[in-house]
Amino acid sequence: MAVSNELLEILACPQCKGEVHLKQEAEGEGIVCESCRLVYPICDGIPVMLIDEAKPVGEG
């Protein structure tokens, strides 16, 4: 289940409050903040916007 564009428009990075976008890779989907270089996971179609759950961009 993909995250809707409407949800992406209102989501913000919990660390820097910056814009985020959806990133789809072979490993799965994630919500990416380019400013912080963090990827927030998506579990069962729900973005997990917790700083402790985020991984650095490029880390699998």
PDB file of N, CA and C in Angstrom:
ATOM      1  N   MET A   1       0.853  -1.185   0.000  1.00  0.00           N
ATOM      2  CA  MET A   1       0.000   0.000   0.000  1.00  0.00           C
ATOM      3  C   MET A   1       0.896   1.245   0.000  1.00  0.00           C
ATOM      4  N   ALA A   2       0.708   2.094  -0.962  1.00  0.00           N
ATOM      5  CA  ALA A   2       1.524   3.291  -1.095  1.00  0.00           C
ATOM      6  C   ALA A   2       0.985   4.428  -0.229  1.00  0.00           C
ATOM      7  N   VAL A   3       1.887   5.299   0.134  1.00  0.00           N
ATOM      8  CA  VAL A   3       1.508   6.493   0.891  1.00  0.00           C
ATOM      9  C   VAL A   3       0.946   7.507  -0.094  1.00  0.00           C
ATOM     10  N   SER A   4      -0.178   8.108   0.244  1.00  0.00           N
ATOM     11  CA  SER A   4      -0.823   9.052  -0.673  1.00  0.00           C
ATOM     12  C   SER A   4      -0.054  10.365  -0.764  1.00  0.00           C
ATOM     13  N   ASN A   5      -0.219  11.038  -1.889  1.00  0.00           N
ATOM     14  CA  ASN A   5       0.413  12.344  -2.078  1.00  0.00           C
ATOM     15  C   ASN A   5      -0.104  13.366  -1.084  1.00  0.00           C
ATOM     16  N   GLU A   6      -1.384  13.255  -0.714  1.00  0.00           N
ATOM     17  CA  GLU A   6      -1.959  14.183   0.258  1.00  0.00           C
ATOM     18  C   GLU A   6      -1.259  14.056   1.609  1.00  0.00           C
ATOM     19  N   LEU A   7      -0.957  12.822   2.009  1.00  0.00           N
ATOM     20  CA  LEU A   7      -0.254  12.605   3.276  1.00  0.00           C
ATOM     21  C   LEU A   7       1.165  13.133   3.193  1.00  0.00           C
ATOM     22  N   LEU A   8       1.837  12.884   2.076  1.00  0.00           N
ATOM     23  CA  LEU A   8       3.208  13.382   1.915  1.00  0.00           C
ATOM     24  C   LEU A   8       3.283  14.901   2.000  1.00  0.00           C
ATOM     25  N   GLU A   9       2.245  15.582   1.524  1.00  0.00           N
ATOM     26  CA  GLU A   9       2.236  17.046   1.556  1.00  0.00           C
ATOM     27  C   GLU A   9       2.184  17.595   2.980  1.00  0.00           C
ATOM     28  N   ILE A  10       1.576  16.861   3.908  1.00  0.00           N
ATOM     29  CA  ILE A  10       1.456  17.386   5.278  1.00  0.00           C
ATOM     30  C   ILE A  10       2.521  16.830   6.224  1.00  0.00           C
ATOM     31  N   LEU A  11       3.221  15.764   5.801  1.00  0.00           N
ATOM     32  CA  LEU A  11       4.276  15.222   6.651  1.00  0.00           C
ATOM     33  C   LEU A  11       5.504  16.126   6.625  1.00  0.00           C
ATOM     34  N   ALA A  12       6.222  16.142   7.748  1.00  0.00           N
ATOM     35  CA  ALA A  12       7.482  16.875   7.848  1.00  0.00           C
ATOM     36  C   ALA A  12       8.454  16.028   8.650  1.00  0.00           C
ATOM     37  N   CYS A  13       9.717  16.237   8.434  1.00  0.00           N
ATOM     38  CA  CYS A  13      10.745  15.533   9.183  1.00  0.00           C
ATOM     39  C   CYS A  13      10.633  15.931  10.658  1.00  0.00           C
ATOM     40  N   PRO A  14      10.553  14.958  11.561  1.00  0.00           N
ATOM     41  CA  PRO A  14      10.436  15.300  12.974  1.00  0.00           C
ATOM     42  C   PRO A  14      11.708  15.911  13.559  1.00  0.00           C
ATOM     43  N   GLN A  15      12.834  15.731  12.872  1.00  0.00           N
ATOM     44  CA  GLN A  15      14.088  16.277  13.383  1.00  0.00           C
ATOM     45  C   GLN A  15      14.293  17.733  12.979  1.00  0.00           C
ATOM     46  N   CYS A  16      14.147  18.041  11.681  1.00  0.00           N
ATOM     47  CA  CYS A  16      14.427  19.402  11.205  1.00  0.00           C
ATOM     48  C   CYS A  16      13.187  20.152  10.744  1.00  0.00           C
ATOM     49  N   LYS A  17      12.046  19.464  10.716  1.00  0.00           N
ATOM     50  CA  LYS A  17      10.765  20.025  10.249  1.00  0.00           C
ATOM     51  C   LYS A  17      10.777  20.347   8.768  1.00  0.00           C
ATOM     52  N   GLY A  18      11.725  19.761   8.028  1.00  0.00           N
ATOM     53  CA  GLY A  18      11.839  19.989   6.594  1.00  0.00           C
ATOM     54  C   GLY A  18      10.918  19.093   5.781  1.00  0.00           C
ATOM     55  N   GLU A  19      10.906  19.333   4.482  1.00  0.00           N
ATOM     56  CA  GLU A  19      10.079  18.555   3.560  1.00  0.00           C
ATOM     57  C   GLU A  19      10.621  17.137   3.419  1.00  0.00           C
ATOM     58  N   VAL A  20       9.709  16.221   3.168  1.00  0.00           N
ATOM     59  CA  VAL A  20      10.069  14.829   2.943  1.00  0.00           C
ATOM     60  C   VAL A  20       9.447  14.356   1.635  1.00  0.00           C
ATOM     61  N   HIS A  21       9.991  13.288   1.090  1.00  0.00           N
ATOM     62  CA  HIS A  21       9.412  12.686  -0.114  1.00  0.00           C
ATOM     63  C   HIS A  21       9.517  11.165  -0.034  1.00  0.00           C
ATOM     64  N   LEU A  22       8.752  10.513  -0.866  1.00  0.00           N
ATOM     65  CA  LEU A  22       8.707   9.057  -0.905  1.00  0.00           C
ATOM     66  C   LEU A  22       9.847   8.541  -1.756  1.00  0.00           C
ATOM     67  N   LYS A  23      10.508   7.513  -1.252  1.00  0.00           N
ATOM     68  CA  LYS A  23      11.591   6.883  -2.002  1.00  0.00           C
ATOM     69  C   LYS A  23      11.308   5.394  -2.062  1.00  0.00           C
ATOM     70  N   GLN A  24      11.295   4.845  -3.273  1.00  0.00           N
ATOM     71  CA  GLN A  24      11.055   3.420  -3.459  1.00  0.00           C
ATOM     72  C   GLN A  24      12.319   2.787  -3.997  1.00  0.00           C
ATOM     73  N   GLU A  25      12.752   1.735  -3.312  1.00  0.00           N
ATOM     74  CA  GLU A  25      13.945   1.012  -3.724  1.00  0.00           C
ATOM     75  C   GLU A  25      13.662  -0.474  -3.683  1.00  0.00           C
ATOM     76  N   ALA A  26      14.639  -1.257  -4.069  1.00  0.00           N
ATOM     77  CA  ALA A  26      14.487  -2.710  -4.036  1.00  0.00           C
ATOM     78  C   ALA A  26      14.235  -3.207  -2.614  1.00  0.00           C
ATOM     79  N   GLU A  27      14.820  -2.525  -1.607  1.00  0.00           N
ATOM     80  CA  GLU A  27      14.652  -2.934  -0.218  1.00  0.00           C
ATOM     81  C   GLU A  27      13.278  -2.564   0.334  1.00  0.00           C
ATOM     82  N   GLY A  28      12.580  -1.664  -0.345  1.00  0.00           N
ATOM     83  CA  GLY A  28      11.262  -1.239   0.114  1.00  0.00           C
ATOM     84  C   GLY A  28      11.093   0.260   0.030  1.00  0.00           C
ATOM     85  N   GLU A  29       9.997   0.747   0.612  1.00  0.00           N
ATOM     86  CA  GLU A  29       9.694   2.168   0.586  1.00  0.00           C
ATOM     87  C   GLU A  29      10.214   2.848   1.843  1.00  0.00           C
ATOM     88  N   GLY A  30      10.360   4.155   1.731  1.00  0.00           N
ATOM     89  CA  GLY A  30      10.729   4.960   2.885  1.00  0.00           C
ATOM     90  C   GLY A  30      10.381   6.407   2.638  1.00  0.00           C
ATOM     91  N   ILE A  31      10.276   7.169   3.708  1.00  0.00           N
ATOM     92  CA  ILE A  31      10.061   8.609   3.644  1.00  0.00           C
ATOM     93  C   ILE A  31      11.418   9.255   3.894  1.00  0.00           C
ATOM     94  N   VAL A  32      11.889  10.054   2.949  1.00  0.00           N
ATOM     95  CA  VAL A  32      13.245  10.592   2.991  1.00  0.00           C
ATOM     96  C   VAL A  32      13.245  12.080   3.279  1.00  0.00           C
ATOM     97  N   CYS A  33      14.143  12.478   4.188  1.00  0.00           N
ATOM     98  CA  CYS A  33      14.441  13.892   4.416  1.00  0.00           C
ATOM     99  C   CYS A  33      15.855  14.126   3.893  1.00  0.00           C
ATOM    100  N   GLU A  34      15.975  14.875   2.820  1.00  0.00           N
ATOM    101  CA  GLU A  34      17.287  15.129   2.231  1.00  0.00           C
ATOM    102  C   GLU A  34      18.146  16.026   3.120  1.00  0.00           C
ATOM    103  N   SER A  35      17.540  16.935   3.872  1.00  0.00           N
ATOM    104  CA  SER A  35      18.298  17.828   4.752  1.00  0.00           C
ATOM    105  C   SER A  35      19.031  17.054   5.836  1.00  0.00           C
ATOM    106  N   CYS A  36      18.333  16.128   6.472  1.00  0.00           N
ATOM    107  CA  CYS A  36      18.915  15.329   7.558  1.00  0.00           C
ATOM    108  C   CYS A  36      19.585  14.065   7.054  1.00  0.00           C
ATOM    109  N   ARG A  37      19.321  13.717   5.770  1.00  0.00           N
ATOM    110  CA  ARG A  37      19.846  12.485   5.182  1.00  0.00           C
ATOM    111  C   ARG A  37      19.366  11.258   5.952  1.00  0.00           C
ATOM    112  N   LEU A  38      18.050  11.262   6.277  1.00  0.00           N
ATOM    113  CA  LEU A  38      17.428  10.166   7.005  1.00  0.00           C
ATOM    114  C   LEU A  38      16.295   9.561   6.197  1.00  0.00           C
ATOM    115  N   VAL A  39      16.098   8.255   6.369  1.00  0.00           N
ATOM    116  CA  VAL A  39      14.979   7.542   5.757  1.00  0.00           C
ATOM    117  C   VAL A  39      14.123   6.977   6.880  1.00  0.00           C
ATOM    118  N   TYR A  40      12.854   7.362   6.888  1.00  0.00           N
ATOM    119  CA  TYR A  40      11.899   6.863   7.868  1.00  0.00           C
ATOM    120  C   TYR A  40      11.152   5.689   7.238  1.00  0.00           C
ATOM    121  N   PRO A  41      11.036   4.569   7.962  1.00  0.00           N
ATOM    122  CA  PRO A  41      10.403   3.382   7.376  1.00  0.00           C
ATOM    123  C   PRO A  41       8.895   3.522   7.223  1.00  0.00           C
ATOM    124  N   ILE A  42       8.344   2.679   6.365  1.00  0.00           N
ATOM    125  CA  ILE A  42       6.897   2.564   6.191  1.00  0.00           C
ATOM    126  C   ILE A  42       6.535   1.125   6.537  1.00  0.00           C
ATOM    127  N   CYS A  43       5.723   0.949   7.565  1.00  0.00           N
ATOM    128  CA  CYS A  43       5.309  -0.386   8.015  1.00  0.00           C
ATOM    129  C   CYS A  43       3.814  -0.554   7.799  1.00  0.00           C
ATOM    130  N   ASP A  44       3.448  -1.541   7.003  1.00  0.00           N
ATOM    131  CA  ASP A  44       2.039  -1.818   6.693  1.00  0.00           C
ATOM    132  C   ASP A  44       1.313  -0.589   6.157  1.00  0.00           C
ATOM    133  N   GLY A  45       2.013   0.192   5.333  1.00  0.00           N
ATOM    134  CA  GLY A  45       1.420   1.370   4.715  1.00  0.00           C
ATOM    135  C   GLY A  45       1.385   2.604   5.595  1.00  0.00           C
ATOM    136  N   ILE A  46       1.979   2.523   6.797  1.00  0.00           N
ATOM    137  CA  ILE A  46       1.955   3.651   7.737  1.00  0.00           C
ATOM    138  C   ILE A  46       3.382   4.157   7.946  1.00  0.00           C
ATOM    139  N   PRO A  47       3.640   5.444   7.644  1.00  0.00           N
ATOM    140  CA  PRO A  47       4.976   5.997   7.880  1.00  0.00           C
ATOM    141  C   PRO A  47       5.286   6.039   9.380  1.00  0.00           C
ATOM    142  N   VAL A  48       6.467   5.547   9.736  1.00  0.00           N
ATOM    143  CA  VAL A  48       6.921   5.577  11.127  1.00  0.00           C
ATOM    144  C   VAL A  48       7.863   6.775  11.250  1.00  0.00           C
ATOM    145  N   MET A  49       7.312   7.904  11.677  1.00  0.00           N
ATOM    146  CA  MET A  49       8.065   9.159  11.710  1.00  0.00           C
ATOM    147  C   MET A  49       8.695   9.386  13.090  1.00  0.00           C
ATOM    148  N   LEU A  50       9.484   8.414  13.528  1.00  0.00           N
ATOM    149  CA  LEU A  50      10.200   8.492  14.787  1.00  0.00           C
ATOM    150  C   LEU A  50      11.691   8.582  14.486  1.00  0.00           C
ATOM    151  N   ILE A  51      12.355   9.549  15.081  1.00  0.00           N
ATOM    152  CA  ILE A  51      13.778   9.757  14.811  1.00  0.00           C
ATOM    153  C   ILE A  51      14.581   8.503  15.134  1.00  0.00           C
ATOM    154  N   ASP A  52      14.238   7.824  16.215  1.00  0.00           N
ATOM    155  CA  ASP A  52      14.963   6.620  16.611  1.00  0.00           C
ATOM    156  C   ASP A  52      14.808   5.466  15.627  1.00  0.00           C
ATOM    157  N   GLU A  53      13.771   5.485  14.805  1.00  0.00           N
ATOM    158  CA  GLU A  53      13.528   4.428  13.826  1.00  0.00           C
ATOM    159  C   GLU A  53      14.145   4.740  12.465  1.00  0.00           C
ATOM    160  N   ALA A  54      14.587   5.968  12.261  1.00  0.00           N
ATOM    161  CA  ALA A  54      15.147   6.382  10.970  1.00  0.00           C
ATOM    162  C   ALA A  54      16.547   5.822  10.783  1.00  0.00           C
ATOM    163  N   LYS A  55      16.908   5.639   9.506  1.00  0.00           N
ATOM    164  CA  LYS A  55      18.235   5.173   9.153  1.00  0.00           C
ATOM    165  C   LYS A  55      18.873   6.187   8.203  1.00  0.00           C
ATOM    166  N   PRO A  56      20.178   6.281   8.199  1.00  0.00           N
ATOM    167  CA  PRO A  56      20.841   7.180   7.253  1.00  0.00           C
ATOM    168  C   PRO A  56      20.550   6.785   5.816  1.00  0.00           C
ATOM    169  N   VAL A  57      20.462   7.765   4.940  1.00  0.00           N
ATOM    170  CA  VAL A  57      20.248   7.502   3.518  1.00  0.00           C
ATOM    171  C   VAL A  57      21.371   6.615   3.015  1.00  0.00           C
ATOM    172  N   GLY A  58      21.007   5.585   2.255  1.00  0.00           N
ATOM    173  CA  GLY A  58      22.004   4.682   1.694  1.00  0.00           C
ATOM    174  C   GLY A  58      22.264   3.454   2.541  1.00  0.00           C
ATOM    175  N   GLU A  59      21.801   3.461   3.775  1.00  0.00           N
ATOM    176  CA  GLU A  59      21.969   2.290   4.637  1.00  0.00           C
ATOM    177  C   GLU A  59      20.795   1.360   4.440  1.00  0.00           C
ATOM    178  N   GLY A  60      21.053   0.089   4.179  1.00  0.00           N
ATOM    179  CA  GLY A  60      20.004  -0.872   3.917  1.00  0.00           C
ATOM    180  C   GLY A  60      19.532  -1.510   5.129  1.00  0.00           C
TER     181      GLY A  60
END
